[in-house]
Amino acid sequence: MSSTERLHGLDINVEGLRLERAQVETSAGWTRVTTTVVLCGGGHEGRGEDVCYEVVDHEHFPDPDLSGIGTFGDVSRRIGQAELWPAEPPEHAANVDYRLWAFESAALDLALRQADLNLGEALGRAYAPVHFAVSGVEDPAGWLEVNESLDFKLDVAMSWDEELMKSYANTGRIRVLDFKAYYTSAKVDGIDDPATYALVASMFPDAILEDAALNDETLAALANSLGLLSFDAPIHSLADVHALSVCPRFLNIKPSRFGTVERLLACIEWCLDNEVTMYGGGQFELGVGREQIQALASLFYAASANDVAPALYNTATDPRGDLPRTPLPVPDRLVGFTFDSA
């Protein structure tokens, strides 16, 4: 029985739905809003987080009728048929999957809680302590002064020169470098400059190189590092992996990009079968979504450079030694689709 079949066969009773909105002002000067979908039934609640980045997409949030008794597979099909964008479709196509995932993950959480199971028990897999890498920092050395165990995932910038790269490389703790070549948001500066690619590859010969543009010039610049290429933003299904012009040995797994549990698990199982190293990725979740990506990392790729640091790292403006350390321990008693014992 496949992992999807195991989960789709879980019984579920959905009696109602409510929404919880969260909001913070980021240190970068933009407002982060997420909406948590809460499905209720049988005295239990299941949660899933919509991580759409545009604030407008959290207005007029849908309230589909998913009530009924059946299986998680039944509810998944109803979610797929529901009108989740009652006004206008989102500006960014990826948001369709983000919203779909919020409802899917809430339904899965509810089904597991009603069965008094955690995700590991339902899949027949054991949890392991989660190693994480910190992203979004400008001074890795400063963070290492307060926590020498940290690893990092950094976004490459055109402003980087050889001296700065050397200072980063000398820390010995840079695990992933993200070129962000597939982003179109005004908030993200993607890099597709072959000279920068060549310099990065030479300065960080062991780091995973994420979301590099694939063309003749960039591939030539990365000729000695093709085995370190990884992808994130273009991947919403296993079909997207197969459509790449290179066969990656690494993949950043962001569950919300896949939209459904079925698409997510199909990609994870293919990676396991084909010795592709996975690592988890976050999207500035404000609620249960962060715990869920930690749970998946714990079950499938716990030792990787997971960009799933506790949410406190997202809001820390300066290096702090009092934040949780890697690896994150497995909670004593887990129920549902979470990595928190509550």
Protein backbone atom coordinates (compact mmCIF):
# COMPACT_ATOMS: atom_id res chain seq x y z
CA MET A 1 0.00 0.00 0.00
CA SER A 2 1.40 3.39 -0.97
CA SER A 3 1.74 6.27 1.48
CA THR A 4 -1.08 8.10 -0.27
CA GLU A 5 -3.37 5.08 0.01
CA ARG A 6 -2.60 4.80 3.73
CA LEU A 7 -3.65 8.40 4.33
CA HIS A 8 -6.56 8.53 1.91
CA GLY A 9 -8.09 5.56 3.73
CA LEU A 10 -8.28 7.36 7.09
CA ASP A 11 -11.83 7.91 8.34
CA ILE A 12 -12.90 11.51 8.90
CA ASN A 13 -15.95 13.40 10.11
CA VAL A 14 -16.05 17.09 9.15
CA GLU A 15 -18.70 19.09 10.99
CA GLY A 16 -17.59 22.67 10.47
CA LEU A 17 -14.93 25.15 9.41
CA ARG A 18 -13.55 28.40 10.77
CA LEU A 19 -10.68 30.69 9.82
CA GLU A 20 -7.89 32.27 11.90
CA ARG A 21 -5.85 35.14 10.47
CA ALA A 22 -2.33 35.99 11.66
CA GLN A 23 -0.23 39.03 10.79
CA VAL A 24 3.25 40.38 11.60
CA GLU A 25 5.34 43.26 10.35
CA THR A 26 8.64 41.88 9.10
CA SER A 27 12.06 43.39 9.71
CA ALA A 28 12.33 43.86 5.92
CA GLY A 29 9.40 46.28 5.98
CA TRP A 30 6.61 44.16 4.51
CA THR A 31 3.50 42.71 6.13
CA ARG A 32 3.22 38.94 6.43
CA VAL A 33 -0.33 37.60 6.59
CA THR A 34 -1.41 33.97 6.70
CA THR A 35 -4.81 32.35 7.18
CA THR A 36 -5.25 29.11 9.11
CA VAL A 37 -8.06 26.82 8.00
CA VAL A 38 -9.56 24.99 11.00
CA LEU A 39 -11.74 21.95 10.26
CA CYS A 40 -13.79 20.69 13.22
CA GLY A 41 -15.47 17.37 13.92
CA GLY A 42 -16.00 14.82 16.67
CA GLY A 43 -14.54 17.10 19.31
CA HIS A 44 -11.29 17.55 17.38
CA GLU A 45 -9.78 20.31 15.24
CA GLY A 46 -7.43 20.02 12.27
CA ARG A 47 -5.35 22.96 11.07
CA GLY A 48 -3.68 23.98 7.81
CA GLU A 49 -2.04 27.29 6.91
CA ASP A 50 -2.52 29.32 3.72
CA VAL A 51 0.86 30.94 2.97
CA CYS A 52 -0.11 33.18 0.02
CA TYR A 53 2.19 36.19 0.21
CA GLU A 54 -0.18 38.85 -1.14
CA VAL A 55 -2.29 40.40 1.62
CA VAL A 56 -5.21 40.86 -0.79
CA ASP A 57 -5.45 37.10 -1.24
CA HIS A 58 -6.40 36.73 2.41
CA GLU A 59 -9.42 38.99 2.00
CA HIS A 60 -12.83 37.40 1.21
CA PHE A 61 -11.43 34.00 2.13
CA PRO A 62 -13.59 31.06 0.94
CA ASP A 63 -15.76 28.99 3.28
CA PRO A 64 -16.62 25.81 1.33
CA ASP A 65 -18.96 23.20 2.80
CA LEU A 66 -16.78 20.14 3.39
CA SER A 67 -19.05 18.60 6.04
CA GLY A 68 -19.75 14.89 6.02
CA ILE A 69 -18.51 11.47 7.09
CA GLY A 70 -16.16 9.51 4.87
CA THR A 71 -12.42 9.17 4.33
CA PHE A 72 -9.64 11.68 3.98
CA GLY A 73 -9.53 10.70 0.30
CA ASP A 74 -13.20 11.69 -0.03
CA VAL A 75 -12.56 15.08 1.56
CA SER A 76 -9.48 15.59 -0.59
CA ARG A 77 -11.60 15.10 -3.70
CA ARG A 78 -14.23 17.54 -2.40
CA ILE A 79 -11.54 20.11 -1.68
CA GLY A 80 -10.26 19.71 -5.24
CA GLN A 81 -13.76 20.40 -6.57
CA ALA A 82 -14.49 23.34 -4.25
CA GLU A 83 -14.38 26.96 -5.38
CA LEU A 84 -11.45 28.24 -3.36
CA TRP A 85 -11.11 31.53 -5.25
CA PRO A 86 -14.67 32.90 -5.21
CA ALA A 87 -13.72 36.36 -6.46
CA GLU A 88 -10.85 36.46 -8.97
CA PRO A 89 -8.05 33.97 -9.54
CA PRO A 90 -4.78 34.94 -7.82
CA GLU A 91 -2.16 37.03 -9.53
CA HIS A 92 0.40 34.27 -9.01
CA ALA A 93 -0.51 30.76 -10.15
CA ALA A 94 1.44 29.19 -7.27
CA ASN A 95 -1.12 30.60 -4.84
CA VAL A 96 -3.68 28.09 -6.12
CA ASP A 97 -1.55 25.30 -4.66
CA TYR A 98 -0.85 27.23 -1.45
CA ARG A 99 -4.57 27.52 -0.72
CA LEU A 100 -5.29 23.96 -1.74
CA TRP A 101 -2.61 22.79 0.69
CA ALA A 102 -4.15 24.76 3.56
CA PHE A 103 -7.40 22.80 3.23
CA GLU A 104 -5.67 19.47 2.51
CA SER A 105 -3.33 19.72 5.49
CA ALA A 106 -6.19 20.77 7.79
CA ALA A 107 -8.22 17.74 6.68
CA LEU A 108 -5.25 15.40 7.16
CA ASP A 109 -4.59 16.83 10.62
CA LEU A 110 -8.25 16.32 11.58
CA ALA A 111 -8.36 12.74 10.27
CA LEU A 112 -5.20 11.83 12.19
CA ARG A 113 -6.48 13.38 15.41
CA GLN A 114 -9.82 11.62 15.14
CA ALA A 115 -7.92 8.34 14.75
CA ASP A 116 -5.60 9.27 17.66
CA LEU A 117 -2.60 8.86 15.35
CA ASN A 118 0.35 10.98 14.35
CA LEU A 119 1.58 11.16 10.77
CA GLY A 120 4.49 8.82 11.43
CA GLU A 121 2.21 6.12 12.82
CA ALA A 122 -0.13 6.45 9.86
CA LEU A 123 2.77 6.09 7.39
CA GLY A 124 4.70 3.47 9.32
CA ARG A 125 7.74 5.75 9.64
CA ALA A 126 9.72 6.87 12.70
CA TYR A 127 10.39 10.48 13.65
CA ALA A 128 13.99 11.66 14.06
CA PRO A 129 15.54 14.88 15.46
CA VAL A 130 15.41 17.60 12.79
CA HIS A 131 18.59 19.32 11.71
CA PHE A 132 17.93 22.84 10.42
CA ALA A 133 19.82 25.55 8.58
CA VAL A 134 19.02 29.23 9.18
CA SER A 135 18.09 31.40 6.21
CA GLY A 136 17.53 35.12 5.71
CA VAL A 137 20.58 36.27 7.68
CA GLU A 138 23.17 38.78 6.49
CA ASP A 139 25.95 37.97 8.95
CA PRO A 140 26.54 34.22 9.47
CA ALA A 141 29.69 34.95 11.51
CA GLY A 142 27.68 36.98 14.01
CA TRP A 143 25.22 34.15 14.49
CA LEU A 144 28.03 31.64 14.91
CA GLU A 145 29.43 33.72 17.76
CA VAL A 146 26.26 33.02 19.76
CA ASN A 147 25.55 29.52 18.42
CA GLU A 148 28.47 27.65 16.90
CA SER A 149 26.30 24.72 15.78
CA LEU A 150 24.30 26.60 13.15
CA ASP A 151 24.36 25.96 9.41
CA PHE A 152 23.03 28.45 6.85
CA LYS A 153 21.07 28.78 3.64
CA LEU A 154 21.92 32.09 1.94
CA ASP A 155 20.38 33.98 -0.97
CA VAL A 156 23.06 34.95 -3.49
CA ALA A 157 23.19 38.68 -4.27
CA MET A 158 24.80 40.55 -7.17
CA SER A 159 26.47 42.78 -4.58
CA TRP A 160 28.58 39.87 -3.33
CA ASP A 161 32.25 40.21 -4.22
CA GLU A 162 35.02 37.66 -3.86
CA GLU A 163 36.11 39.01 -0.48
CA LEU A 164 32.62 38.73 1.00
CA MET A 165 32.15 35.25 -0.42
CA LYS A 166 35.47 34.20 1.07
CA SER A 167 34.37 35.42 4.50
CA TYR A 168 31.17 33.38 4.20
CA ALA A 169 33.03 30.32 2.92
CA ASN A 170 35.54 30.51 5.76
CA THR A 171 32.78 29.84 8.28
CA GLY A 172 32.51 26.32 6.87
CA ARG A 173 28.78 26.40 7.64
CA ILE A 174 27.13 27.45 4.36
CA ARG A 175 25.06 24.46 3.24
CA VAL A 176 22.78 25.92 0.54
CA LEU A 177 23.09 28.91 -1.79
CA ASP A 178 19.92 30.10 -3.52
CA PHE A 179 20.06 31.96 -6.85
CA LYS A 180 16.25 32.41 -6.94
CA ALA A 181 16.31 32.53 -10.74
CA TYR A 182 12.67 31.40 -11.05
CA TYR A 183 11.04 34.07 -8.92
CA THR A 184 9.13 36.94 -10.53
CA SER A 185 8.17 38.84 -7.37
CA ALA A 186 9.42 42.41 -6.99
CA LYS A 187 10.49 41.42 -3.45
CA VAL A 188 13.00 38.86 -4.80
CA ASP A 189 16.13 39.59 -6.83
CA GLY A 190 16.84 36.49 -8.90
CA ILE A 191 20.38 35.92 -10.19
CA ASP A 192 21.17 34.55 -13.67
CA ASP A 193 24.64 36.03 -14.25
CA PRO A 194 27.11 33.31 -15.42
CA ALA A 195 30.13 35.10 -13.92
CA THR A 196 28.47 35.16 -10.50
CA TYR A 197 27.56 31.49 -10.88
CA ALA A 198 31.17 30.56 -11.67
CA LEU A 199 32.52 32.54 -8.71
CA VAL A 200 29.96 31.06 -6.30
CA ALA A 201 30.70 27.53 -7.50
CA SER A 202 34.43 28.01 -7.03
CA MET A 203 34.14 29.62 -3.59
CA PHE A 204 31.62 27.08 -2.25
CA PRO A 205 32.60 23.76 -3.88
CA ASP A 206 30.48 21.65 -1.50
CA ALA A 207 27.34 23.79 -1.11
CA ILE A 208 24.00 22.87 -2.66
CA LEU A 209 23.18 25.33 -5.47
CA GLU A 210 19.46 26.04 -5.56
CA ASP A 211 17.30 27.42 -8.36
CA ALA A 212 20.03 28.28 -10.84
CA ALA A 213 18.88 29.35 -14.30
CA LEU A 214 19.48 26.65 -16.88
CA ASN A 215 20.90 27.88 -20.16
CA ASP A 216 24.08 27.28 -22.13
CA GLU A 217 26.05 30.03 -20.38
CA THR A 218 25.01 29.20 -16.82
CA LEU A 219 25.45 25.47 -17.33
CA ALA A 220 28.96 26.10 -18.65
CA ALA A 221 29.72 28.23 -15.58
CA LEU A 222 28.49 25.41 -13.33
CA ALA A 223 30.06 22.58 -15.33
CA ASN A 224 31.94 21.20 -12.32
CA SER A 225 28.99 21.59 -9.94
CA LEU A 226 26.08 20.01 -11.82
CA GLY A 227 25.79 17.30 -9.19
CA LEU A 228 25.04 19.98 -6.58
CA LEU A 229 22.09 21.57 -8.38
CA SER A 230 18.78 21.71 -6.53
CA PHE A 231 15.36 23.12 -7.35
CA ASP A 232 12.53 24.70 -5.41
CA ALA A 233 10.31 27.32 -7.04
CA PRO A 234 9.62 25.41 -10.30
CA ILE A 235 8.58 22.21 -8.51
CA HIS A 236 4.87 21.66 -7.86
CA SER A 237 4.72 17.99 -8.85
CA LEU A 238 6.86 15.04 -9.87
CA ALA A 239 6.08 15.96 -13.48
CA ASP A 240 7.90 19.26 -12.92
CA VAL A 241 10.98 17.35 -11.74
CA HIS A 242 10.93 15.20 -14.86
CA ALA A 243 10.55 18.33 -17.02
CA LEU A 244 13.88 19.79 -15.84
CA SER A 245 16.68 19.76 -18.38
CA VAL A 246 19.00 18.23 -15.76
CA CYS A 247 18.39 15.37 -13.35
CA PRO A 248 18.77 16.91 -9.88
CA ARG A 249 20.46 15.11 -7.01
CA PHE A 250 18.85 17.49 -4.50
CA LEU A 251 15.35 18.94 -4.10
CA ASN A 252 13.89 21.53 -1.74
CA ILE A 253 10.54 20.08 -0.62
CA LYS A 254 7.94 22.75 0.21
CA PRO A 255 4.63 20.95 0.86
CA SER A 256 2.45 23.96 0.05
CA ARG A 257 3.89 24.11 -3.48
CA PHE A 258 2.48 20.65 -4.19
CA GLY A 259 -1.08 21.53 -3.22
CA THR A 260 -2.18 17.98 -2.40
CA VAL A 261 -0.89 15.23 -0.15
CA GLU A 262 -0.94 12.87 -3.13
CA ARG A 263 1.38 15.04 -5.26
CA LEU A 264 3.69 15.67 -2.31
CA LEU A 265 4.08 12.00 -1.41
CA ALA A 266 4.54 10.96 -5.05
CA CYS A 267 7.56 13.26 -5.28
CA ILE A 268 8.96 12.23 -1.89
CA GLU A 269 8.69 8.52 -2.73
CA TRP A 270 10.35 9.06 -6.11
CA CYS A 271 13.23 10.87 -4.39
CA LEU A 272 13.63 8.01 -1.91
CA ASP A 273 13.64 5.46 -4.73
CA ASN A 274 16.12 7.44 -6.83
CA GLU A 275 18.55 8.56 -4.11
CA VAL A 276 17.71 12.24 -4.50
CA THR A 277 18.56 14.10 -1.30
CA MET A 278 15.64 16.13 0.00
CA TYR A 279 15.61 19.04 2.44
CA GLY A 280 12.66 20.99 3.77
CA GLY A 281 11.81 24.56 2.90
CA GLY A 282 9.75 27.16 4.72
CA GLN A 283 7.62 30.09 3.59
CA PHE A 284 7.55 32.38 6.63
CA GLU A 285 4.71 30.44 8.20
CA LEU A 286 3.14 32.10 11.24
CA GLY A 287 1.32 29.09 12.62
CA VAL A 288 0.89 25.34 12.25
CA GLY A 289 2.45 25.31 8.79
CA ARG A 290 5.90 25.61 10.36
CA GLU A 291 5.30 22.59 12.60
CA GLN A 292 4.02 20.58 9.64
CA ILE A 293 7.14 21.15 7.54
CA GLN A 294 9.20 20.14 10.58
CA ALA A 295 7.14 16.94 10.91
CA LEU A 296 7.75 16.01 7.28
CA ALA A 297 11.45 16.73 7.63
CA SER A 298 11.57 14.57 10.75
CA LEU A 299 10.00 11.62 8.91
CA PHE A 300 11.77 11.81 5.55
CA TYR A 301 14.94 13.99 5.57
CA ALA A 302 15.83 14.79 9.16
CA ALA A 303 19.60 15.03 8.69
CA SER A 304 19.49 17.42 5.71
CA ALA A 305 20.04 21.19 5.60
CA ASN A 306 16.38 21.88 6.30
CA ASP A 307 15.20 25.46 6.01
CA VAL A 308 12.66 24.80 8.77
CA ALA A 309 14.13 26.71 11.71
CA PRO A 310 11.65 27.60 14.48
CA ALA A 311 9.60 30.69 13.65
CA LEU A 312 11.51 32.77 16.23
CA TYR A 313 14.40 32.90 13.76
CA ASN A 314 12.13 34.69 11.26
CA THR A 315 11.59 37.64 13.56
CA ALA A 316 15.00 37.85 15.24
CA THR A 317 16.65 41.02 13.97
CA ASP A 318 20.03 40.35 15.60
CA PRO A 319 21.98 37.20 16.52
CA ARG A 320 20.58 35.64 19.68
CA GLY A 321 21.97 32.74 21.65
CA ASP A 322 18.68 31.92 23.40
CA LEU A 323 16.91 30.53 20.32
CA PRO A 324 16.27 26.79 19.84
CA ARG A 325 19.31 24.85 18.71
CA THR A 326 19.66 22.27 16.00
CA PRO A 327 18.67 19.47 15.91
CA LEU A 328 15.09 19.92 17.10
CA PRO A 329 14.17 17.03 19.41
CA VAL A 330 11.16 14.84 18.69
CA PRO A 331 8.29 15.79 21.04
CA ASP A 332 7.32 13.16 23.59
CA ARG A 333 3.78 12.62 22.33
CA LEU A 334 2.69 13.63 18.87
CA VAL A 335 -0.88 13.51 17.59
CA GLY A 336 -2.03 14.69 14.18
CA PHE A 337 -0.02 16.43 11.49
CA THR A 338 2.29 18.53 13.65
CA PHE A 339 5.66 18.56 15.40
CA ASP A 340 4.34 19.95 18.67
CA SER A 341 3.25 17.81 21.61
CA ALA A 342 0.18 19.95 22.36
